Amino acid sequence: MIPRVLGLAAALCVLAAAGSAQAGSALYTPVLASGSYTCTALNVSKKPVTVTIEIFEAYANSGTPEDTLGPVSLPAGIAASLDCGACSGDSVYCKITVKGGKKKVRGVLHNADMSVEAR
């Protein structure tokens, strides 16, 4: 009985790890207020990565993005940007979801006055 329980536990651990790797990791920016916004993701790895870029209104409790790009495959050294002119005047933040690991991507949210880094 114990070997079966241990085998089942090991199988569940492997499935859980595989599921979390498939789900991806997310980078978030701080909130940026006022302006027309652009969120950019740059692939800093040597292999293609798949990203989804989303811009959310910071103080709306809807959980629905104002705008979305992706999923999109980025070759090594290439960036993708999401412009959100419809977000003008709102306080927003950017979420960049990276399939496979967030260390492969750098992100920034900016408007005409300033920029904030995704972490």
Protein backbone atom coordinates (compact mmCIF):
# COMPACT_ATOMS: atom_id res chain seq x y z
CA MET A 1 0.00 0.00 0.00
CA ILE A 2 2.78 2.47 0.90
CA PRO A 3 4.58 2.08 -2.48
CA ARG A 4 1.31 2.85 -4.30
CA VAL A 5 0.68 5.96 -2.19
CA LEU A 6 4.25 7.15 -2.76
CA GLY A 7 3.96 6.46 -6.50
CA LEU A 8 0.70 8.40 -6.68
CA ALA A 9 2.19 11.29 -4.70
CA ALA A 10 5.21 11.41 -7.03
CA ALA A 11 2.94 11.40 -10.09
CA LEU A 12 0.84 14.24 -8.68
CA CYS A 13 3.99 16.30 -8.00
CA VAL A 14 5.16 15.82 -11.59
CA LEU A 15 1.73 16.83 -12.96
CA ALA A 16 1.58 19.88 -10.71
CA ALA A 17 5.03 21.01 -11.81
CA ALA A 18 4.15 20.50 -15.48
CA GLY A 19 0.92 22.44 -15.07
CA SER A 20 2.63 25.42 -13.45
CA ALA A 21 5.31 25.50 -16.17
CA GLN A 22 2.61 25.52 -18.85
CA ALA A 23 0.66 28.29 -17.15
CA GLY A 24 3.49 30.79 -17.34
CA SER A 25 4.80 33.50 -15.08
CA ALA A 26 3.67 37.08 -14.93
CA LEU A 27 5.43 40.43 -14.66
CA TYR A 28 3.51 43.44 -13.35
CA THR A 29 4.22 47.17 -13.55
CA PRO A 30 3.34 49.72 -10.90
CA VAL A 31 0.35 51.96 -11.59
CA LEU A 32 0.88 54.84 -14.01
CA ALA A 33 -1.61 57.72 -14.09
CA SER A 34 -2.79 59.96 -16.94
CA GLY A 35 -1.86 59.80 -20.58
CA SER A 36 -1.88 57.45 -23.50
CA TYR A 37 -0.16 54.21 -22.50
CA THR A 38 2.16 51.72 -24.15
CA CYS A 39 3.25 48.44 -22.55
CA THR A 40 6.29 46.76 -24.11
CA ALA A 41 7.74 43.27 -23.60
CA LEU A 42 11.28 42.46 -24.82
CA ASN A 43 12.57 38.90 -25.23
CA VAL A 44 16.06 38.90 -23.66
CA SER A 45 16.61 35.16 -24.08
CA LYS A 46 18.27 33.33 -26.97
CA LYS A 47 15.11 31.41 -27.91
CA PRO A 48 11.58 32.45 -28.91
CA VAL A 49 9.12 33.03 -26.06
CA THR A 50 5.35 33.37 -26.01
CA VAL A 51 3.91 36.40 -24.21
CA THR A 52 0.54 37.98 -23.58
CA ILE A 53 0.42 41.70 -22.76
CA GLU A 54 -2.58 43.12 -20.91
CA ILE A 55 -3.36 46.63 -19.66
CA PHE A 56 -5.77 46.92 -16.71
CA GLU A 57 -7.50 49.89 -15.15
CA ALA A 58 -5.95 50.07 -11.70
CA TYR A 59 -8.96 50.97 -9.58
CA ALA A 60 -11.75 49.15 -11.40
CA ASN A 61 -12.56 45.87 -9.71
CA SER A 62 -13.69 44.16 -12.92
CA GLY A 63 -10.57 42.05 -13.46
CA THR A 64 -11.10 42.52 -17.20
CA PRO A 65 -8.22 44.05 -19.19
CA GLU A 66 -8.76 47.35 -20.98
CA ASP A 67 -6.75 45.95 -23.90
CA THR A 68 -4.86 42.72 -24.73
CA LEU A 69 -2.18 41.59 -27.18
CA GLY A 70 -1.42 37.94 -27.66
CA PRO A 71 -0.47 35.36 -27.08
CA VAL A 72 2.32 36.26 -29.48
CA SER A 73 5.64 34.48 -30.16
CA LEU A 74 8.65 36.78 -29.81
CA PRO A 75 11.93 35.76 -31.46
CA ALA A 76 15.14 36.36 -29.49
CA GLY A 77 15.90 40.07 -29.07
CA ILE A 78 12.51 41.22 -30.39
CA ALA A 79 9.89 43.32 -28.59
CA ALA A 80 6.11 43.60 -28.83
CA SER A 81 4.10 46.63 -27.71
CA LEU A 82 0.48 47.24 -26.82
CA ASP A 83 -0.76 50.83 -27.23
CA CYS A 84 -3.83 51.70 -25.22
CA GLY A 85 -5.06 55.08 -26.41
CA ALA A 86 -8.54 54.17 -25.16
CA CYS A 87 -7.08 54.08 -21.63
CA SER A 88 -6.27 57.83 -21.68
CA GLY A 89 -6.91 59.54 -18.38
CA ASP A 90 -7.18 56.32 -16.35
CA SER A 91 -4.69 54.92 -13.89
CA VAL A 92 -3.47 51.65 -15.36
CA TYR A 93 -0.96 48.86 -14.87
CA CYS A 94 0.47 46.29 -17.26
CA LYS A 95 0.62 42.51 -16.88
CA ILE A 96 2.97 40.52 -19.10
CA THR A 97 2.43 36.76 -18.97
CA VAL A 98 5.39 34.71 -20.19
CA LYS A 99 5.01 31.04 -21.05
CA GLY A 100 7.92 29.21 -19.46
CA GLY A 101 9.47 31.83 -17.17
CA LYS A 102 9.53 35.57 -16.61
CA LYS A 103 13.35 35.81 -16.51
CA LYS A 104 13.27 35.65 -20.32
CA VAL A 105 11.44 38.97 -20.70
CA ARG A 106 11.82 42.61 -19.65
CA GLY A 107 8.82 44.89 -19.59
CA VAL A 108 7.91 48.55 -19.28
CA LEU A 109 4.75 50.66 -19.18
CA HIS A 110 5.14 54.24 -20.32
CA ASN A 111 3.29 57.39 -21.29
CA ALA A 112 4.58 60.74 -22.56
CA ASP A 113 5.86 61.74 -19.10
CA MET A 114 7.39 58.66 -17.49
CA SER A 115 7.94 54.92 -17.53
CA VAL A 116 7.77 52.13 -14.95
CA GLU A 117 9.48 48.74 -15.06
CA ALA A 118 7.63 45.42 -14.88
CA ARG A 119 8.77 43.05 -12.14
